């Protein structure tokens, strides 16, 4: 089960490149929720802005913030909190997250490079069989 749990994060880390000096700072970046993926990778929830792109997905309000190694995530009516620690910073930053309910998750922070050469900051967080995808708020 744990291998399946890590697949979305590791896949995201493969697509994130050139981060070490260029990662957006977790604690001072305003992160905007885009999508939530289930274990199979299907989008099961999305932001209001992406609702027309994912008509089968639930529209959710999700927010997150980071401060001094702690994180708080609001997912609809649920609240998740915990602590995070850097475990790898080669190319992108990968963090292990310990949630207050005892669950372990992972977080990646980096830059996604698109086919046209443009880049965008990307942050992905896993908990259980879910992967939440965020970009910097505009």
Foldseek 3Di string as FASTA:
>chain_A
DVVLLCVVVVVVLVQFFDFLPPWDDQAPFFKAWAFKAFSVRDTQEGDPVCCVVPVNHHHWHKGKHDDPQKIWICTHPDIWIFGWDWDDPHGWTKIWTQIPVRWIKMKIWGWGADPVRDIFIWMWITTDRMIIIITGDD
